[in-house]
């Protein structure tokens, strides 16, 4: 008996952005490794790449995520 049931058909109302085909899908049509989501709406899924870019920029500029000392700081 399988622990996880492979879902071949998506649920209506679940939206994904397929990285492989660069398109929005309702329900997962492509493998998980090739998609972002699920999103609550088609509009959110449409903005998936912009959301990812915004989050990456936020993380890259967050001083809590950098090990390098700020200018003027000494290493401990």
PDB file of N, CA and C in Angstrom:
ATOM      1  N   UNK A   1       0.841  -1.178   0.000  1.00  0.00           N
ATOM      2  CA  UNK A   1       0.000   0.000   0.000  1.00  0.00           C
ATOM      3  C   UNK A   1       0.890   1.247   0.000  1.00  0.00           C
ATOM      4  N   UNK A   2       0.610   2.141  -0.900  1.00  0.00           N
ATOM      5  CA  UNK A   2       1.399   3.364  -1.008  1.00  0.00           C
ATOM      6  C   UNK A   2       1.054   4.329   0.118  1.00  0.00           C
ATOM      7  N   UNK A   3       2.074   4.999   0.614  1.00  0.00           N
ATOM      8  CA  UNK A   3       1.848   5.988   1.667  1.00  0.00           C
ATOM      9  C   UNK A   3       1.219   7.264   1.121  1.00  0.00           C
ATOM     10  N   UNK A   4       1.614   7.616  -0.073  1.00  0.00           N
ATOM     11  CA  UNK A   4       1.104   8.832  -0.674  1.00  0.00           C
ATOM     12  C   UNK A   4       0.439   8.487  -1.990  1.00  0.00           C
ATOM     13  N   UNK A   5      -0.727   9.026  -2.181  1.00  0.00           N
ATOM     14  CA  UNK A   5      -1.475   8.795  -3.401  1.00  0.00           C
ATOM     15  C   UNK A   5      -1.037   9.827  -4.433  1.00  0.00           C
ATOM     16  N   UNK A   6      -0.639   9.373  -5.589  1.00  0.00           N
ATOM     17  CA  UNK A   6      -0.223  10.297  -6.636  1.00  0.00           C
ATOM     18  C   UNK A   6      -1.465  10.933  -7.247  1.00  0.00           C
ATOM     19  N   UNK A   7      -1.483  12.232  -7.192  1.00  0.00           N
ATOM     20  CA  UNK A   7      -2.628  12.960  -7.721  1.00  0.00           C
ATOM     21  C   UNK A   7      -2.370  13.286  -9.179  1.00  0.00           C
ATOM     22  N   UNK A   8      -3.222  12.803 -10.039  1.00  0.00           N
ATOM     23  CA  UNK A   8      -3.044  13.056 -11.467  1.00  0.00           C
ATOM     24  C   UNK A   8      -3.921  14.192 -11.962  1.00  0.00           C
ATOM     25  N   UNK A   9      -4.964  14.536 -11.206  1.00  0.00           N
ATOM     26  CA  UNK A   9      -5.865  15.604 -11.594  1.00  0.00           C
ATOM     27  C   UNK A   9      -5.836  16.673 -10.513  1.00  0.00           C
ATOM     28  N   UNK A  10      -5.740  17.907 -10.925  1.00  0.00           N
ATOM     29  CA  UNK A  10      -5.709  19.002  -9.963  1.00  0.00           C
ATOM     30  C   UNK A  10      -7.078  19.330  -9.418  1.00  0.00           C
ATOM     31  N   UNK A  11      -7.081  20.075  -8.336  1.00  0.00           N
ATOM     32  CA  UNK A  11      -8.330  20.534  -7.741  1.00  0.00           C
ATOM     33  C   UNK A  11      -8.720  21.867  -8.373  1.00  0.00           C
ATOM     34  N   UNK A  12      -9.973  22.035  -8.694  1.00  0.00           N
ATOM     35  CA  UNK A  12     -10.406  23.347  -9.168  1.00  0.00           C
ATOM     36  C   UNK A  12     -10.141  24.387  -8.076  1.00  0.00           C
ATOM     37  N   UNK A  13      -9.673  25.546  -8.481  1.00  0.00           N
ATOM     38  CA  UNK A  13      -9.385  26.598  -7.518  1.00  0.00           C
ATOM     39  C   UNK A  13      -7.953  26.612  -7.027  1.00  0.00           C
ATOM     40  N   UNK A  14      -7.151  25.602  -7.347  1.00  0.00           N
ATOM     41  CA  UNK A  14      -5.717  25.609  -7.036  1.00  0.00           C
ATOM     42  C   UNK A  14      -4.988  26.059  -8.289  1.00  0.00           C
ATOM     43  N   UNK A  15      -4.210  27.099  -8.152  1.00  0.00           N
ATOM     44  CA  UNK A  15      -3.499  27.658  -9.299  1.00  0.00           C
ATOM     45  C   UNK A  15      -1.999  27.498  -9.117  1.00  0.00           C
ATOM     46  N   UNK A  16      -1.310  27.193 -10.194  1.00  0.00           N
ATOM     47  CA  UNK A  16       0.129  26.975 -10.200  1.00  0.00           C
ATOM     48  C   UNK A  16       0.750  27.739 -11.362  1.00  0.00           C
ATOM     49  N   UNK A  17       2.047  28.016 -11.229  1.00  0.00           N
ATOM     50  CA  UNK A  17       2.801  28.584 -12.343  1.00  0.00           C
ATOM     51  C   UNK A  17       3.822  27.549 -12.755  1.00  0.00           C
ATOM     52  N   UNK A  18       3.737  27.086 -13.992  1.00  0.00           N
ATOM     53  CA  UNK A  18       4.670  26.079 -14.511  1.00  0.00           C
ATOM     54  C   UNK A  18       5.928  26.769 -15.033  1.00  0.00           C
ATOM     55  N   UNK A  19       7.063  26.428 -14.438  1.00  0.00           N
ATOM     56  CA  UNK A  19       8.339  27.014 -14.840  1.00  0.00           C
ATOM     57  C   UNK A  19       8.798  26.467 -16.194  1.00  0.00           C
ATOM     58  N   UNK A  20       8.460  25.234 -16.480  1.00  0.00           N
ATOM     59  CA  UNK A  20       8.856  24.586 -17.731  1.00  0.00           C
ATOM     60  C   UNK A  20       8.152  25.214 -18.933  1.00  0.00           C
ATOM     61  N   UNK A  21       6.843  25.396 -18.821  1.00  0.00           N
ATOM     62  CA  UNK A  21       6.046  25.904 -19.932  1.00  0.00           C
ATOM     63  C   UNK A  21       5.739  27.394 -19.819  1.00  0.00           C
ATOM     64  N   UNK A  22       6.125  28.001 -18.686  1.00  0.00           N
ATOM     65  CA  UNK A  22       5.913  29.425 -18.420  1.00  0.00           C
ATOM     66  C   UNK A  22       4.450  29.811 -18.628  1.00  0.00           C
ATOM     67  N   UNK A  23       3.586  29.040 -17.929  1.00  0.00           N
ATOM     68  CA  UNK A  23       2.163  29.321 -18.025  1.00  0.00           C
ATOM     69  C   UNK A  23       1.473  29.005 -16.706  1.00  0.00           C
ATOM     70  N   UNK A  24       0.295  29.584 -16.537  1.00  0.00           N
ATOM     71  CA  UNK A  24      -0.525  29.355 -15.355  1.00  0.00           C
ATOM     72  C   UNK A  24      -1.392  28.128 -15.606  1.00  0.00           C
ATOM     73  N   UNK A  25      -1.505  27.280 -14.577  1.00  0.00           N
ATOM     74  CA  UNK A  25      -2.310  26.063 -14.682  1.00  0.00           C
ATOM     75  C   UNK A  25      -3.292  26.006 -13.521  1.00  0.00           C
ATOM     76  N   UNK A  26      -4.500  25.535 -13.782  1.00  0.00           N
ATOM     77  CA  UNK A  26      -5.437  25.281 -12.699  1.00  0.00           C
ATOM     78  C   UNK A  26      -5.297  23.817 -12.340  1.00  0.00           C
ATOM     79  N   UNK A  27      -4.892  23.571 -11.108  1.00  0.00           N
ATOM     80  CA  UNK A  27      -4.597  22.203 -10.702  1.00  0.00           C
ATOM     81  C   UNK A  27      -3.230  21.827 -11.249  1.00  0.00           C
ATOM     82  N   UNK A  28      -2.494  20.971 -10.567  1.00  0.00           N
ATOM     83  CA  UNK A  28      -1.148  20.648 -11.056  1.00  0.00           C
ATOM     84  C   UNK A  28      -1.199  19.783 -12.305  1.00  0.00           C
ATOM     85  N   UNK A  29      -0.722  20.332 -13.399  1.00  0.00           N
ATOM     86  CA  UNK A  29      -0.617  19.564 -14.637  1.00  0.00           C
ATOM     87  C   UNK A  29       0.805  19.026 -14.806  1.00  0.00           C
ATOM     88  N   UNK A  30       1.782  19.769 -14.321  1.00  0.00           N
ATOM     89  CA  UNK A  30       3.189  19.403 -14.467  1.00  0.00           C
ATOM     90  C   UNK A  30       3.754  18.924 -13.134  1.00  0.00           C
ATOM     91  N   UNK A  31       4.893  18.221 -13.157  1.00  0.00           N
ATOM     92  CA  UNK A  31       5.501  17.732 -11.913  1.00  0.00           C
ATOM     93  C   UNK A  31       5.844  18.873 -10.951  1.00  0.00           C
ATOM     94  N   UNK A  32       5.857  18.555  -9.669  1.00  0.00           N
ATOM     95  CA  UNK A  32       6.128  19.539  -8.631  1.00  0.00           C
ATOM     96  C   UNK A  32       7.450  20.259  -8.806  1.00  0.00           C
ATOM     97  N   UNK A  33       8.452  19.584  -9.353  1.00  0.00           N
ATOM     98  CA  UNK A  33       9.767  20.203  -9.535  1.00  0.00           C
ATOM     99  C   UNK A  33       9.742  21.332 -10.563  1.00  0.00           C
ATOM    100  N   UNK A  34       8.684  21.395 -11.361  1.00  0.00           N
ATOM    101  CA  UNK A  34       8.598  22.381 -12.435  1.00  0.00           C
ATOM    102  C   UNK A  34       7.570  23.476 -12.174  1.00  0.00           C
ATOM    103  N   UNK A  35       7.103  23.615 -10.927  1.00  0.00           N
ATOM    104  CA  UNK A  35       6.049  24.593 -10.711  1.00  0.00           C
ATOM    105  C   UNK A  35       6.167  25.303  -9.366  1.00  0.00           C
ATOM    106  N   UNK A  36       5.563  26.489  -9.301  1.00  0.00           N
ATOM    107  CA  UNK A  36       5.369  27.243  -8.071  1.00  0.00           C
ATOM    108  C   UNK A  36       3.892  27.137  -7.723  1.00  0.00           C
ATOM    109  N   UNK A  37       3.582  27.098  -6.446  1.00  0.00           N
ATOM    110  CA  UNK A  37       2.187  27.113  -6.036  1.00  0.00           C
ATOM    111  C   UNK A  37       1.922  26.074  -4.978  1.00  0.00           C
ATOM    112  N   UNK A  38       0.717  25.934  -4.537  1.00  0.00           N
ATOM    113  CA  UNK A  38      -0.497  26.490  -5.124  1.00  0.00           C
ATOM    114  C   UNK A  38      -0.750  27.927  -4.687  1.00  0.00           C
ATOM    115  N   UNK A  39      -1.453  28.639  -5.537  1.00  0.00           N
ATOM    116  CA  UNK A  39      -1.887  30.004  -5.265  1.00  0.00           C
ATOM    117  C   UNK A  39      -3.404  30.012  -5.156  1.00  0.00           C
ATOM    118  N   UNK A  40      -3.932  30.998  -4.468  1.00  0.00           N
ATOM    119  CA  UNK A  40      -5.377  31.088  -4.238  1.00  0.00           C
ATOM    120  C   UNK A  40      -6.137  31.577  -5.466  1.00  0.00           C
ATOM    121  N   UNK A  41      -5.443  32.283  -6.357  1.00  0.00           N
ATOM    122  CA  UNK A  41      -6.134  32.816  -7.530  1.00  0.00           C
ATOM    123  C   UNK A  41      -5.230  32.757  -8.755  1.00  0.00           C
ATOM    124  N   UNK A  42      -5.861  32.868  -9.904  1.00  0.00           N
ATOM    125  CA  UNK A  42      -5.124  32.889 -11.171  1.00  0.00           C
ATOM    126  C   UNK A  42      -4.190  34.106 -11.204  1.00  0.00           C
ATOM    127  N   UNK A  43      -4.648  35.233 -10.665  1.00  0.00           N
ATOM    128  CA  UNK A  43      -3.846  36.457 -10.676  1.00  0.00           C
ATOM    129  C   UNK A  43      -2.566  36.284  -9.855  1.00  0.00           C
ATOM    130  N   UNK A  44      -2.679  35.642  -8.698  1.00  0.00           N
ATOM    131  CA  UNK A  44      -1.487  35.385  -7.877  1.00  0.00           C
ATOM    132  C   UNK A  44      -0.503  34.497  -8.627  1.00  0.00           C
ATOM    133  N   UNK A  45      -1.009  33.462  -9.282  1.00  0.00           N
ATOM    134  CA  UNK A  45      -0.141  32.558 -10.041  1.00  0.00           C
ATOM    135  C   UNK A  45       0.519  33.282 -11.212  1.00  0.00           C
ATOM    136  N   UNK A  46      -0.201  34.204 -11.823  1.00  0.00           N
ATOM    137  CA  UNK A  46       0.351  34.982 -12.935  1.00  0.00           C
ATOM    138  C   UNK A  46       1.544  35.814 -12.476  1.00  0.00           C
ATOM    139  N   UNK A  47       1.497  36.294 -11.226  1.00  0.00           N
ATOM    140  CA  UNK A  47       2.584  37.114 -10.672  1.00  0.00           C
ATOM    141  C   UNK A  47       3.661  36.278  -9.974  1.00  0.00           C
ATOM    142  N   UNK A  48       3.666  34.981 -10.145  1.00  0.00           N
ATOM    143  CA  UNK A  48       4.584  34.097  -9.417  1.00  0.00           C
ATOM    144  C   UNK A  48       6.054  34.470  -9.609  1.00  0.00           C
ATOM    145  N   UNK A  49       6.465  34.741 -10.816  1.00  0.00           N
ATOM    146  CA  UNK A  49       7.871  35.059 -11.070  1.00  0.00           C
ATOM    147  C   UNK A  49       8.245  36.408 -10.444  1.00  0.00           C
ATOM    148  N   UNK A  50       7.345  37.377 -10.499  1.00  0.00           N
ATOM    149  CA  UNK A  50       7.620  38.677  -9.878  1.00  0.00           C
ATOM    150  C   UNK A  50       7.677  38.532  -8.361  1.00  0.00           C
ATOM    151  N   UNK A  51       6.783  37.723  -7.796  1.00  0.00           N
ATOM    152  CA  UNK A  51       6.795  37.479  -6.352  1.00  0.00           C
ATOM    153  C   UNK A  51       8.114  36.830  -5.936  1.00  0.00           C
ATOM    154  N   UNK A  52       8.575  35.850  -6.695  1.00  0.00           N
ATOM    155  CA  UNK A  52       9.843  35.184  -6.391  1.00  0.00           C
ATOM    156  C   UNK A  52      11.006  36.169  -6.485  1.00  0.00           C
ATOM    157  N   UNK A  53      10.990  37.002  -7.499  1.00  0.00           N
ATOM    158  CA  UNK A  53      12.062  37.991  -7.669  1.00  0.00           C
ATOM    159  C   UNK A  53      12.059  38.982  -6.499  1.00  0.00           C
ATOM    160  N   UNK A  54      10.887  39.437  -6.099  1.00  0.00           N
ATOM    161  CA  UNK A  54      10.787  40.376  -4.975  1.00  0.00           C
ATOM    162  C   UNK A  54      11.292  39.738  -3.683  1.00  0.00           C
ATOM    163  N   UNK A  55      10.919  38.494  -3.443  1.00  0.00           N
ATOM    164  CA  UNK A  55      11.364  37.803  -2.228  1.00  0.00           C
ATOM    165  C   UNK A  55      12.864  37.571  -2.239  1.00  0.00           C
ATOM    166  N   UNK A  56      13.417  37.203  -3.383  1.00  0.00           N
ATOM    167  CA  UNK A  56      14.869  37.002  -3.476  1.00  0.00           C
ATOM    168  C   UNK A  56      15.616  38.294  -3.172  1.00  0.00           C
ATOM    169  N   UNK A  57      15.138  39.403  -3.719  1.00  0.00           N
ATOM    170  CA  UNK A  57      15.777  40.691  -3.457  1.00  0.00           C
ATOM    171  C   UNK A  57      15.681  41.049  -1.980  1.00  0.00           C
ATOM    172  N   UNK A  58      14.525  40.790  -1.387  1.00  0.00           N
ATOM    173  CA  UNK A  58      14.340  41.069   0.041  1.00  0.00           C
ATOM    174  C   UNK A  58      15.322  40.250   0.884  1.00  0.00           C
ATOM    175  N   UNK A  59      15.487  38.974   0.552  1.00  0.00           N
ATOM    176  CA  UNK A  59      16.409  38.118   1.309  1.00  0.00           C
ATOM    177  C   UNK A  59      17.865  38.519   1.081  1.00  0.00           C
ATOM    178  N   UNK A  60      18.191  38.881  -0.143  1.00  0.00           N
ATOM    179  CA  UNK A  60      19.573  39.267  -0.455  1.00  0.00           C
ATOM    180  C   UNK A  60      19.990  40.540   0.264  1.00  0.00           C
ATOM    181  N   UNK A  61      19.040  41.416   0.532  1.00  0.00           N
ATOM    182  CA  UNK A  61      19.365  42.680   1.180  1.00  0.00           C
ATOM    183  C   UNK A  61      19.054  42.677   2.673  1.00  0.00           C
ATOM    184  N   UNK A  62      18.628  41.551   3.224  1.00  0.00           N
ATOM    185  CA  UNK A  62      18.324  41.451   4.647  1.00  0.00           C
ATOM    186  C   UNK A  62      19.629  41.224   5.413  1.00  0.00           C
ATOM    187  N   UNK A  63      20.027  42.163   6.287  1.00  0.00           N
ATOM    188  CA  UNK A  63      21.305  42.025   6.992  1.00  0.00           C
ATOM    189  C   UNK A  63      21.356  40.817   7.931  1.00  0.00           C
ATOM    190  N   UNK A  64      20.218  40.292   8.350  1.00  0.00           N
ATOM    191  CA  UNK A  64      20.209  39.120   9.237  1.00  0.00           C
ATOM    192  C   UNK A  64      20.688  37.850   8.526  1.00  0.00           C
ATOM    193  N   UNK A  65      20.695  37.857   7.188  1.00  0.00           N
ATOM    194  CA  UNK A  65      21.056  36.662   6.439  1.00  0.00           C
ATOM    195  C   UNK A  65      22.486  36.697   5.909  1.00  0.00           C
ATOM    196  N   UNK A  66      23.248  37.676   6.309  1.00  0.00           N
ATOM    197  CA  UNK A  66      24.626  37.780   5.820  1.00  0.00           C
ATOM    198  C   UNK A  66      25.602  37.553   6.964  1.00  0.00           C
ATOM    199  N   UNK A  67      26.622  36.736   6.724  1.00  0.00           N
ATOM    200  CA  UNK A  67      27.641  36.450   7.716  1.00  0.00           C
ATOM    201  C   UNK A  67      28.764  37.478   7.700  1.00  0.00           C
ATOM    202  N   UNK A  68      28.901  38.187   6.609  1.00  0.00           N
ATOM    203  CA  UNK A  68      29.993  39.151   6.490  1.00  0.00           C
ATOM    204  C   UNK A  68      29.708  40.352   7.395  1.00  0.00           C
ATOM    205  N   UNK A  69      30.712  40.843   8.090  1.00  0.00           N
ATOM    206  CA  UNK A  69      30.519  42.013   8.950  1.00  0.00           C
ATOM    207  C   UNK A  69      30.240  43.266   8.129  1.00  0.00           C
ATOM    208  N   UNK A  70      29.504  44.157   8.713  1.00  0.00           N
ATOM    209  CA  UNK A  70      29.228  45.441   8.061  1.00  0.00           C
ATOM    210  C   UNK A  70      30.513  46.260   8.044  1.00  0.00           C
ATOM    211  N   UNK A  71      30.624  47.211   7.135  1.00  0.00           N
ATOM    212  CA  UNK A  71      31.828  48.059   7.121  1.00  0.00           C
ATOM    213  C   UNK A  71      32.013  48.723   8.485  1.00  0.00           C
ATOM    214  N   UNK A  72      33.221  48.696   8.984  1.00  0.00           N
ATOM    215  CA  UNK A  72      33.528  49.290  10.278  1.00  0.00           C
ATOM    216  C   UNK A  72      33.397  48.316  11.444  1.00  0.00           C
ATOM    217  N   UNK A  73      32.852  47.129  11.191  1.00  0.00           N
ATOM    218  CA  UNK A  73      32.717  46.117  12.232  1.00  0.00           C
ATOM    219  C   UNK A  73      33.903  45.176  12.183  1.00  0.00           C
ATOM    220  N   UNK A  74      34.303  44.693  13.345  1.00  0.00           N
ATOM    221  CA  UNK A  74      35.413  43.738  13.404  1.00  0.00           C
ATOM    222  C   UNK A  74      34.864  42.321  13.497  1.00  0.00           C
ATOM    223  N   UNK A  75      35.643  41.355  13.009  1.00  0.00           N
ATOM    224  CA  UNK A  75      35.282  39.942  13.170  1.00  0.00           C
ATOM    225  C   UNK A  75      35.467  39.546  14.612  1.00  0.00           C
ATOM    226  N   UNK A  76      34.600  38.665  15.133  1.00  0.00           N
ATOM    227  CA  UNK A  76      34.729  38.177  16.502  1.00  0.00           C
ATOM    228  C   UNK A  76      35.618  36.955  16.555  1.00  0.00           C
TER     229      UNK A  76
END
